[in-house]
Amino acid sequence: PMFSEIDTSEIGKSNYLIMGQVCVTKNFRGKGVFRGLYAHMTKVFSETFDYIVTEINVKNTRSINAHKSIRFKELIRYNFEGETWAIVFKKI
C-alpha cells in the first residue's frame, strides 16, 4: 500500500529513495547515529534523488519525533491491517 500512496502524490512524479525502518539500540540513542545516517544518505544520494521517503507506524512516537527533528514532513497517513502508518519525506 505504501507505494500506491506515494505514486498518487506529488512525490510520486519525482525520483525518490525509499528508506527502510531505522532501529537504534538503547545504548546508541542520543549519540547522533540517526542524524548521521540521514546526513550521510543526503550527501551520497542528493545528486540522484529528490527525496528520501519512509513510513512509520503512528504508534511509534519516538520515530515520528526523530524524523520531524531532521525536517521530515508527513505526506499522508493510511490504514493497513488495523494499523495506521505515516508516510514521511525529506527533500535532499
PDB file of N, CA and C in Angstrom:
ATOM      1  N   PRO A   1       0.801  -1.218   0.000  1.00  0.00           N
ATOM      2  CA  PRO A   1       0.000   0.000   0.000  1.00  0.00           C
ATOM      3  C   PRO A   1       0.838   1.274   0.000  1.00  0.00           C
ATOM      4  N   MET A   2       2.039   1.227   0.582  1.00  0.00           N
ATOM      5  CA  MET A   2       2.861   2.426   0.670  1.00  0.00           C
ATOM      6  C   MET A   2       3.149   3.003  -0.719  1.00  0.00           C
ATOM      7  N   PHE A   3       3.534   2.161  -1.663  1.00  0.00           N
ATOM      8  CA  PHE A   3       3.915   2.668  -2.978  1.00  0.00           C
ATOM      9  C   PHE A   3       2.731   3.254  -3.736  1.00  0.00           C
ATOM     10  N   SER A   4       1.563   2.664  -3.605  1.00  0.00           N
ATOM     11  CA  SER A   4       0.401   3.235  -4.282  1.00  0.00           C
ATOM     12  C   SER A   4       0.052   4.598  -3.695  1.00  0.00           C
ATOM     13  N   GLU A   5       0.247   4.767  -2.397  1.00  0.00           N
ATOM     14  CA  GLU A   5       0.006   6.070  -1.763  1.00  0.00           C
ATOM     15  C   GLU A   5       1.014   7.110  -2.259  1.00  0.00           C
ATOM     16  N   ILE A   6       2.264   6.719  -2.350  1.00  0.00           N
ATOM     17  CA  ILE A   6       3.306   7.641  -2.815  1.00  0.00           C
ATOM     18  C   ILE A   6       3.087   7.992  -4.280  1.00  0.00           C
ATOM     19  N   ASP A   7       2.817   6.984  -5.092  1.00  0.00           N
ATOM     20  CA  ASP A   7       2.718   7.203  -6.534  1.00  0.00           C
ATOM     21  C   ASP A   7       1.559   8.098  -6.933  1.00  0.00           C
ATOM     22  N   THR A   8       0.555   8.245  -6.078  1.00  0.00           N
ATOM     23  CA  THR A   8      -0.554   9.146  -6.389  1.00  0.00           C
ATOM     24  C   THR A   8      -0.343  10.536  -5.791  1.00  0.00           C
ATOM     25  N   SER A   9       0.822  10.779  -5.206  1.00  0.00           N
ATOM     26  CA  SER A   9       1.133  12.087  -4.613  1.00  0.00           C
ATOM     27  C   SER A   9       2.087  12.848  -5.522  1.00  0.00           C
ATOM     28  N   GLU A  10       2.378  14.091  -5.155  1.00  0.00           N
ATOM     29  CA  GLU A  10       3.315  14.899  -5.937  1.00  0.00           C
ATOM     30  C   GLU A  10       4.718  14.301  -5.931  1.00  0.00           C
ATOM     31  N   ILE A  11       5.085  13.608  -4.889  1.00  0.00           N
ATOM     32  CA  ILE A  11       6.410  12.988  -4.800  1.00  0.00           C
ATOM     33  C   ILE A  11       6.536  11.820  -5.767  1.00  0.00           C
ATOM     34  N   GLY A  12       5.431  11.172  -6.073  1.00  0.00           N
ATOM     35  CA  GLY A  12       5.448  10.025  -6.975  1.00  0.00           C
ATOM     36  C   GLY A  12       5.950  10.337  -8.364  1.00  0.00           C
ATOM     37  N   LYS A  13       5.945  11.604  -8.738  1.00  0.00           N
ATOM     38  CA  LYS A  13       6.420  12.016 -10.057  1.00  0.00           C
ATOM     39  C   LYS A  13       7.907  12.358 -10.057  1.00  0.00           C
ATOM     40  N   SER A  14       8.548  12.258  -8.926  1.00  0.00           N
ATOM     41  CA  SER A  14       9.966  12.617  -8.805  1.00  0.00           C
ATOM     42  C   SER A  14      10.802  11.358  -8.596  1.00  0.00           C
ATOM     43  N   ASN A  15      12.096  11.552  -8.511  1.00  0.00           N
ATOM     44  CA  ASN A  15      12.993  10.451  -8.150  1.00  0.00           C
ATOM     45  C   ASN A  15      13.079  10.413  -6.633  1.00  0.00           C
ATOM     46  N   TYR A  16      12.635   9.337  -6.051  1.00  0.00           N
ATOM     47  CA  TYR A  16      12.673   9.231  -4.599  1.00  0.00           C
ATOM     48  C   TYR A  16      13.326   7.926  -4.182  1.00  0.00           C
ATOM     49  N   LEU A  17      13.893   7.958  -3.005  1.00  0.00           N
ATOM     50  CA  LEU A  17      14.571   6.820  -2.407  1.00  0.00           C
ATOM     51  C   LEU A  17      13.748   6.351  -1.219  1.00  0.00           C
ATOM     52  N   ILE A  18      13.448   5.069  -1.172  1.00  0.00           N
ATOM     53  CA  ILE A  18      12.725   4.512  -0.027  1.00  0.00           C
ATOM     54  C   ILE A  18      13.735   4.046   1.007  1.00  0.00           C
ATOM     55  N   MET A  19      13.557   4.512   2.214  1.00  0.00           N
ATOM     56  CA  MET A  19      14.406   4.102   3.329  1.00  0.00           C
ATOM     57  C   MET A  19      13.629   3.125   4.185  1.00  0.00           C
ATOM     58  N   GLY A  20      14.246   2.028   4.529  1.00  0.00           N
ATOM     59  CA  GLY A  20      13.622   1.068   5.432  1.00  0.00           C
ATOM     60  C   GLY A  20      13.568   1.627   6.841  1.00  0.00           C
ATOM     61  N   GLN A  21      12.965   0.886   7.711  1.00  0.00           N
ATOM     62  CA  GLN A  21      12.828   1.343   9.085  1.00  0.00           C
ATOM     63  C   GLN A  21      14.180   1.319   9.791  1.00  0.00           C
ATOM     64  N   VAL A  22      14.425   2.349  10.575  1.00  0.00           N
ATOM     65  CA  VAL A  22      15.681   2.508  11.305  1.00  0.00           C
ATOM     66  C   VAL A  22      15.442   2.144  12.768  1.00  0.00           C
ATOM     67  N   CYS A  23      16.269   1.277  13.286  1.00  0.00           N
ATOM     68  CA  CYS A  23      16.189   0.905  14.704  1.00  0.00           C
ATOM     69  C   CYS A  23      17.549   1.172  15.341  1.00  0.00           C
ATOM     70  N   VAL A  24      17.574   2.037  16.340  1.00  0.00           N
ATOM     71  CA  VAL A  24      18.813   2.346  17.057  1.00  0.00           C
ATOM     72  C   VAL A  24      18.674   1.769  18.461  1.00  0.00           C
ATOM     73  N   THR A  25      19.575   0.879  18.823  1.00  0.00           N
ATOM     74  CA  THR A  25      19.519   0.245  20.134  1.00  0.00           C
ATOM     75  C   THR A  25      19.729   1.283  21.240  1.00  0.00           C
ATOM     76  N   LYS A  26      19.187   1.013  22.397  1.00  0.00           N
ATOM     77  CA  LYS A  26      19.217   1.969  23.509  1.00  0.00           C
ATOM     78  C   LYS A  26      20.621   2.488  23.803  1.00  0.00           C
ATOM     79  N   ASN A  27      21.616   1.639  23.747  1.00  0.00           N
ATOM     80  CA  ASN A  27      22.986   2.053  24.079  1.00  0.00           C
ATOM     81  C   ASN A  27      23.537   3.118  23.138  1.00  0.00           C
ATOM     82  N   PHE A  28      22.944   3.257  21.945  1.00  0.00           N
ATOM     83  CA  PHE A  28      23.454   4.213  20.971  1.00  0.00           C
ATOM     84  C   PHE A  28      22.507   5.382  20.727  1.00  0.00           C
ATOM     85  N   ARG A  29      21.381   5.418  21.408  1.00  0.00           N
ATOM     86  CA  ARG A  29      20.453   6.541  21.252  1.00  0.00           C
ATOM     87  C   ARG A  29      21.070   7.799  21.846  1.00  0.00           C
ATOM     88  N   GLY A  30      20.790   8.918  21.191  1.00  0.00           N
ATOM     89  CA  GLY A  30      21.307  10.197  21.670  1.00  0.00           C
ATOM     90  C   GLY A  30      22.763  10.438  21.324  1.00  0.00           C
ATOM     91  N   LYS A  31      23.343   9.594  20.479  1.00  0.00           N
ATOM     92  CA  LYS A  31      24.757   9.731  20.115  1.00  0.00           C
ATOM     93  C   LYS A  31      24.947  10.142  18.658  1.00  0.00           C
ATOM     94  N   GLY A  32      23.864  10.518  17.997  1.00  0.00           N
ATOM     95  CA  GLY A  32      23.977  11.024  16.633  1.00  0.00           C
ATOM     96  C   GLY A  32      23.916   9.973  15.536  1.00  0.00           C
ATOM     97  N   VAL A  33      23.624   8.733  15.892  1.00  0.00           N
ATOM     98  CA  VAL A  33      23.575   7.670  14.883  1.00  0.00           C
ATOM     99  C   VAL A  33      22.478   7.947  13.851  1.00  0.00           C
ATOM    100  N   PHE A  34      21.289   8.261  14.315  1.00  0.00           N
ATOM    101  CA  PHE A  34      20.146   8.515  13.434  1.00  0.00           C
ATOM    102  C   PHE A  34      20.415   9.715  12.524  1.00  0.00           C
ATOM    103  N   ARG A  35      20.818  10.828  13.131  1.00  0.00           N
ATOM    104  CA  ARG A  35      21.115  12.028  12.339  1.00  0.00           C
ATOM    105  C   ARG A  35      22.262  11.784  11.368  1.00  0.00           C
ATOM    106  N   GLY A  36      23.281  11.087  11.840  1.00  0.00           N
ATOM    107  CA  GLY A  36      24.435  10.795  10.994  1.00  0.00           C
ATOM    108  C   GLY A  36      24.072   9.939   9.796  1.00  0.00           C
ATOM    109  N   LEU A  37      23.212   8.964  10.008  1.00  0.00           N
ATOM    110  CA  LEU A  37      22.770   8.103   8.915  1.00  0.00           C
ATOM    111  C   LEU A  37      22.091   8.922   7.826  1.00  0.00           C
ATOM    112  N   TYR A  38      21.137   9.751   8.216  1.00  0.00           N
ATOM    113  CA  TYR A  38      20.423  10.543   7.224  1.00  0.00           C
ATOM    114  C   TYR A  38      21.306  11.635   6.619  1.00  0.00           C
ATOM    115  N   ALA A  39      22.227  12.196   7.375  1.00  0.00           N
ATOM    116  CA  ALA A  39      23.164  13.182   6.812  1.00  0.00           C
ATOM    117  C   ALA A  39      24.024  12.525   5.739  1.00  0.00           C
ATOM    118  N   HIS A  40      24.488  11.325   6.017  1.00  0.00           N
ATOM    119  CA  HIS A  40      25.304  10.600   5.041  1.00  0.00           C
ATOM    120  C   HIS A  40      24.481  10.258   3.796  1.00  0.00           C
ATOM    121  N   MET A  41      23.263   9.796   4.000  1.00  0.00           N
ATOM    122  CA  MET A  41      22.409   9.472   2.856  1.00  0.00           C
ATOM    123  C   MET A  41      22.139  10.702   1.999  1.00  0.00           C
ATOM    124  N   THR A  42      21.919  11.832   2.638  1.00  0.00           N
ATOM    125  CA  THR A  42      21.685  13.070   1.899  1.00  0.00           C
ATOM    126  C   THR A  42      22.903  13.419   1.056  1.00  0.00           C
ATOM    127  N   LYS A  43      24.075  13.309   1.641  1.00  0.00           N
ATOM    128  CA  LYS A  43      25.317  13.618   0.923  1.00  0.00           C
ATOM    129  C   LYS A  43      25.517  12.676  -0.266  1.00  0.00           C
ATOM    130  N   VAL A  44      25.316  11.404  -0.049  1.00  0.00           N
ATOM    131  CA  VAL A  44      25.583  10.400  -1.081  1.00  0.00           C
ATOM    132  C   VAL A  44      24.540  10.427  -2.202  1.00  0.00           C
ATOM    133  N   PHE A  45      23.275  10.636  -1.862  1.00  0.00           N
ATOM    134  CA  PHE A  45      22.205  10.461  -2.841  1.00  0.00           C
ATOM    135  C   PHE A  45      21.597  11.750  -3.385  1.00  0.00           C
ATOM    136  N   SER A  46      22.072  12.914  -2.959  1.00  0.00           N
ATOM    137  CA  SER A  46      21.424  14.171  -3.347  1.00  0.00           C
ATOM    138  C   SER A  46      21.506  14.459  -4.843  1.00  0.00           C
ATOM    139  N   GLU A  47      22.480  13.912  -5.529  1.00  0.00           N
ATOM    140  CA  GLU A  47      22.580  14.159  -6.972  1.00  0.00           C
ATOM    141  C   GLU A  47      21.712  13.201  -7.783  1.00  0.00           C
ATOM    142  N   THR A  48      21.225  12.154  -7.164  1.00  0.00           N
ATOM    143  CA  THR A  48      20.448  11.135  -7.872  1.00  0.00           C
ATOM    144  C   THR A  48      18.963  11.193  -7.537  1.00  0.00           C
ATOM    145  N   PHE A  49      18.647  11.527  -6.289  1.00  0.00           N
ATOM    146  CA  PHE A  49      17.264  11.501  -5.825  1.00  0.00           C
ATOM    147  C   PHE A  49      16.841  12.872  -5.316  1.00  0.00           C
ATOM    148  N   ASP A  50      15.528  13.108  -5.375  1.00  0.00           N
ATOM    149  CA  ASP A  50      14.957  14.361  -4.877  1.00  0.00           C
ATOM    150  C   ASP A  50      14.503  14.251  -3.425  1.00  0.00           C
ATOM    151  N   TYR A  51      14.079  13.060  -3.030  1.00  0.00           N
ATOM    152  CA  TYR A  51      13.511  12.865  -1.699  1.00  0.00           C
ATOM    153  C   TYR A  51      13.954  11.535  -1.103  1.00  0.00           C
ATOM    154  N   ILE A  52      13.992  11.501   0.225  1.00  0.00           N
ATOM    155  CA  ILE A  52      14.045  10.250   0.973  1.00  0.00           C
ATOM    156  C   ILE A  52      12.648  10.065   1.560  1.00  0.00           C
ATOM    157  N   VAL A  53      12.098   8.870   1.405  1.00  0.00           N
ATOM    158  CA  VAL A  53      10.745   8.576   1.869  1.00  0.00           C
ATOM    159  C   VAL A  53      10.789   7.333   2.751  1.00  0.00           C
ATOM    160  N   THR A  54      10.040   7.357   3.832  1.00  0.00           N
ATOM    161  CA  THR A  54       9.896   6.173   4.670  1.00  0.00           C
ATOM    162  C   THR A  54       8.499   6.168   5.273  1.00  0.00           C
ATOM    163  N   GLU A  55       8.163   5.079   5.933  1.00  0.00           N
ATOM    164  CA  GLU A  55       6.874   5.013   6.611  1.00  0.00           C
ATOM    165  C   GLU A  55       7.094   4.637   8.063  1.00  0.00           C
ATOM    166  N   ILE A  56       6.221   5.162   8.912  1.00  0.00           N
ATOM    167  CA  ILE A  56       6.345   4.956  10.356  1.00  0.00           C
ATOM    168  C   ILE A  56       4.968   4.621  10.913  1.00  0.00           C
ATOM    169  N   ASN A  57       4.899   3.605  11.735  1.00  0.00           N
ATOM    170  CA  ASN A  57       3.664   3.319  12.454  1.00  0.00           C
ATOM    171  C   ASN A  57       3.420   4.497  13.402  1.00  0.00           C
ATOM    172  N   VAL A  58       2.233   5.082  13.353  1.00  0.00           N
ATOM    173  CA  VAL A  58       1.982   6.289  14.144  1.00  0.00           C
ATOM    174  C   VAL A  58       2.062   6.047  15.645  1.00  0.00           C
ATOM    175  N   LYS A  59       2.007   4.795  16.066  1.00  0.00           N
ATOM    176  CA  LYS A  59       2.197   4.490  17.484  1.00  0.00           C
ATOM    177  C   LYS A  59       3.642   4.727  17.916  1.00  0.00           C
ATOM    178  N   ASN A  60       4.548   4.754  16.962  1.00  0.00           N
ATOM    179  CA  ASN A  60       5.968   4.906  17.261  1.00  0.00           C
ATOM    180  C   ASN A  60       6.320   6.397  17.333  1.00  0.00           C
ATOM    181  N   THR A  61       5.910   7.028  18.417  1.00  0.00           N
ATOM    182  CA  THR A  61       6.111   8.476  18.547  1.00  0.00           C
ATOM    183  C   THR A  61       7.590   8.849  18.617  1.00  0.00           C
ATOM    184  N   ARG A  62       8.427   7.972  19.128  1.00  0.00           N
ATOM    185  CA  ARG A  62       9.869   8.253  19.157  1.00  0.00           C
ATOM    186  C   ARG A  62      10.389   8.453  17.726  1.00  0.00           C
ATOM    187  N   SER A  63       9.994   7.570  16.830  1.00  0.00           N
ATOM    188  CA  SER A  63      10.432   7.673  15.441  1.00  0.00           C
ATOM    189  C   SER A  63       9.806   8.877  14.739  1.00  0.00           C
ATOM    190  N   ILE A  64       8.523   9.106  14.973  1.00  0.00           N
ATOM    191  CA  ILE A  64       7.854  10.278  14.385  1.00  0.00           C
ATOM    192  C   ILE A  64       8.607  11.543  14.781  1.00  0.00           C
ATOM    193  N   ASN A  65       8.906  11.697  16.058  1.00  0.00           N
ATOM    194  CA  ASN A  65       9.591  12.897  16.542  1.00  0.00           C
ATOM    195  C   ASN A  65      11.025  12.983  16.035  1.00  0.00           C
ATOM    196  N   ALA A  66      11.708  11.860  15.956  1.00  0.00           N
ATOM    197  CA  ALA A  66      13.081  11.866  15.438  1.00  0.00           C
ATOM    198  C   ALA A  66      13.095  12.324  13.983  1.00  0.00           C
ATOM    199  N   HIS A  67      12.168  11.836  13.182  1.00  0.00           N
ATOM    200  CA  HIS A  67      12.116  12.246  11.777  1.00  0.00           C
ATOM    201  C   HIS A  67      11.725  13.722  11.645  1.00  0.00           C
ATOM    202  N   LYS A  68      10.796  14.180  12.458  1.00  0.00           N
ATOM    203  CA  LYS A  68      10.434  15.602  12.427  1.00  0.00           C
ATOM    204  C   LYS A  68      11.637  16.474  12.779  1.00  0.00           C
ATOM    205  N   SER A  69      12.461  16.011  13.708  1.00  0.00           N
ATOM    206  CA  SER A  69      13.603  16.813  14.158  1.00  0.00           C
ATOM    207  C   SER A  69      14.645  17.016  13.064  1.00  0.00           C
ATOM    208  N   ILE A  70      14.624  16.170  12.041  1.00  0.00           N
ATOM    209  CA  ILE A  70      15.564  16.356  10.927  1.00  0.00           C
ATOM    210  C   ILE A  70      14.820  16.749   9.650  1.00  0.00           C
ATOM    211  N   ARG A  71      13.680  17.392   9.850  1.00  0.00           N
ATOM    212  CA  ARG A  71      12.913  18.045   8.790  1.00  0.00           C
ATOM    213  C   ARG A  71      12.164  17.120   7.835  1.00  0.00           C
ATOM    214  N   PHE A  72      11.818  15.930   8.294  1.00  0.00           N
ATOM    215  CA  PHE A  72      10.891  15.119   7.512  1.00  0.00           C
ATOM    216  C   PHE A  72       9.500  15.718   7.689  1.00  0.00           C
ATOM    217  N   LYS A  73       8.700  15.645   6.636  1.00  0.00           N
ATOM    218  CA  LYS A  73       7.322  16.124   6.675  1.00  0.00           C
ATOM    219  C   LYS A  73       6.390  14.960   6.364  1.00  0.00           C
ATOM    220  N   GLU A  74       5.208  15.024   6.922  1.00  0.00           N
ATOM    221  CA  GLU A  74       4.242  13.960   6.665  1.00  0.00           C
ATOM    222  C   GLU A  74       3.573  14.170   5.315  1.00  0.00           C
ATOM    223  N   LEU A  75       3.562  13.125   4.528  1.00  0.00           N
ATOM    224  CA  LEU A  75       2.910  13.154   3.220  1.00  0.00           C
ATOM    225  C   LEU A  75       1.452  12.711   3.336  1.00  0.00           C
ATOM    226  N   ILE A  76       1.240  11.575   3.988  1.00  0.00           N
ATOM    227  CA  ILE A  76      -0.106  11.014   4.097  1.00  0.00           C
ATOM    228  C   ILE A  76      -0.112   9.936   5.175  1.00  0.00           C
ATOM    229  N   ARG A  77      -1.283   9.650   5.684  1.00  0.00           N
ATOM    230  CA  ARG A  77      -1.479   8.504   6.585  1.00  0.00           C
ATOM    231  C   ARG A  77      -2.419   7.532   5.901  1.00  0.00           C
ATOM    232  N   TYR A  78      -2.195   6.258   6.167  1.00  0.00           N
ATOM    233  CA  TYR A  78      -3.096   5.245   5.641  1.00  0.00           C
ATOM    234  C   TYR A  78      -3.211   4.106   6.642  1.00  0.00           C
ATOM    235  N   ASN A  79      -4.264   3.331   6.510  1.00  0.00           N
ATOM    236  CA  ASN A  79      -4.502   2.185   7.391  1.00  0.00           C
ATOM    237  C   ASN A  79      -4.241   0.899   6.630  1.00  0.00           C
ATOM    238  N   PHE A  80      -3.574  -0.023   7.301  1.00  0.00           N
ATOM    239  CA  PHE A  80      -3.297  -1.328   6.714  1.00  0.00           C
ATOM    240  C   PHE A  80      -3.317  -2.368   7.820  1.00  0.00           C
ATOM    241  N   GLU A  81      -4.177  -3.346   7.665  1.00  0.00           N
ATOM    242  CA  GLU A  81      -4.313  -4.435   8.630  1.00  0.00           C
ATOM    243  C   GLU A  81      -4.468  -3.932  10.069  1.00  0.00           C
ATOM    244  N   GLY A  82      -5.303  -2.911  10.223  1.00  0.00           N
ATOM    245  CA  GLY A  82      -5.616  -2.400  11.548  1.00  0.00           C
ATOM    246  C   GLY A  82      -4.599  -1.443  12.143  1.00  0.00           C
ATOM    247  N   GLU A  83      -3.559  -1.123  11.403  1.00  0.00           N
ATOM    248  CA  GLU A  83      -2.530  -0.193  11.883  1.00  0.00           C
ATOM    249  C   GLU A  83      -2.534   1.066  11.021  1.00  0.00           C
ATOM    250  N   THR A  84      -2.225   2.193  11.631  1.00  0.00           N
ATOM    251  CA  THR A  84      -2.122   3.452  10.904  1.00  0.00           C
ATOM    252  C   THR A  84      -0.654   3.780  10.691  1.00  0.00           C
ATOM    253  N   TRP A  85      -0.321   4.086   9.459  1.00  0.00           N
ATOM    254  CA  TRP A  85       1.050   4.391   9.064  1.00  0.00           C
ATOM    255  C   TRP A  85       1.130   5.809   8.518  1.00  0.00           C
ATOM    256  N   ALA A  86       2.217   6.490   8.827  1.00  0.00           N
ATOM    257  CA  ALA A  86       2.500   7.810   8.265  1.00  0.00           C
ATOM    258  C   ALA A  86       3.629   7.653   7.261  1.00  0.00           C
ATOM    259  N   ILE A  87       3.414   8.139   6.060  1.00  0.00           N
ATOM    260  CA  ILE A  87       4.485   8.212   5.075  1.00  0.00           C
ATOM    261  C   ILE A  87       5.093   9.594   5.226  1.00  0.00           C
ATOM    262  N   VAL A  88       6.394   9.628   5.449  1.00  0.00           N
ATOM    263  CA  VAL A  88       7.097  10.895   5.656  1.00  0.00           C
ATOM    264  C   VAL A  88       8.196  11.032   4.610  1.00  0.00           C
ATOM    265  N   PHE A  89       8.561  12.276   4.318  1.00  0.00           N
ATOM    266  CA  PHE A  89       9.561  12.524   3.283  1.00  0.00           C
ATOM    267  C   PHE A  89      10.445  13.698   3.665  1.00  0.00           C
ATOM    268  N   LYS A  90      11.605  13.724   3.035  1.00  0.00           N
ATOM    269  CA  LYS A  90      12.556  14.815   3.237  1.00  0.00           C
ATOM    270  C   LYS A  90      13.186  15.149   1.897  1.00  0.00           C
ATOM    271  N   LYS A  91      13.215  16.412   1.554  1.00  0.00           N
ATOM    272  CA  LYS A  91      13.894  16.867   0.339  1.00  0.00           C
ATOM    273  C   LYS A  91      15.387  16.740   0.562  1.00  0.00           C
ATOM    274  N   ILE A  92      16.077  16.175  -0.437  1.00  0.00           N
ATOM    275  CA  ILE A  92      17.540  16.066  -0.310  1.00  0.00           C
ATOM    276  C   ILE A  92      18.236  16.764  -1.452  1.00  0.00           C
TER     277      ILE A  92
END
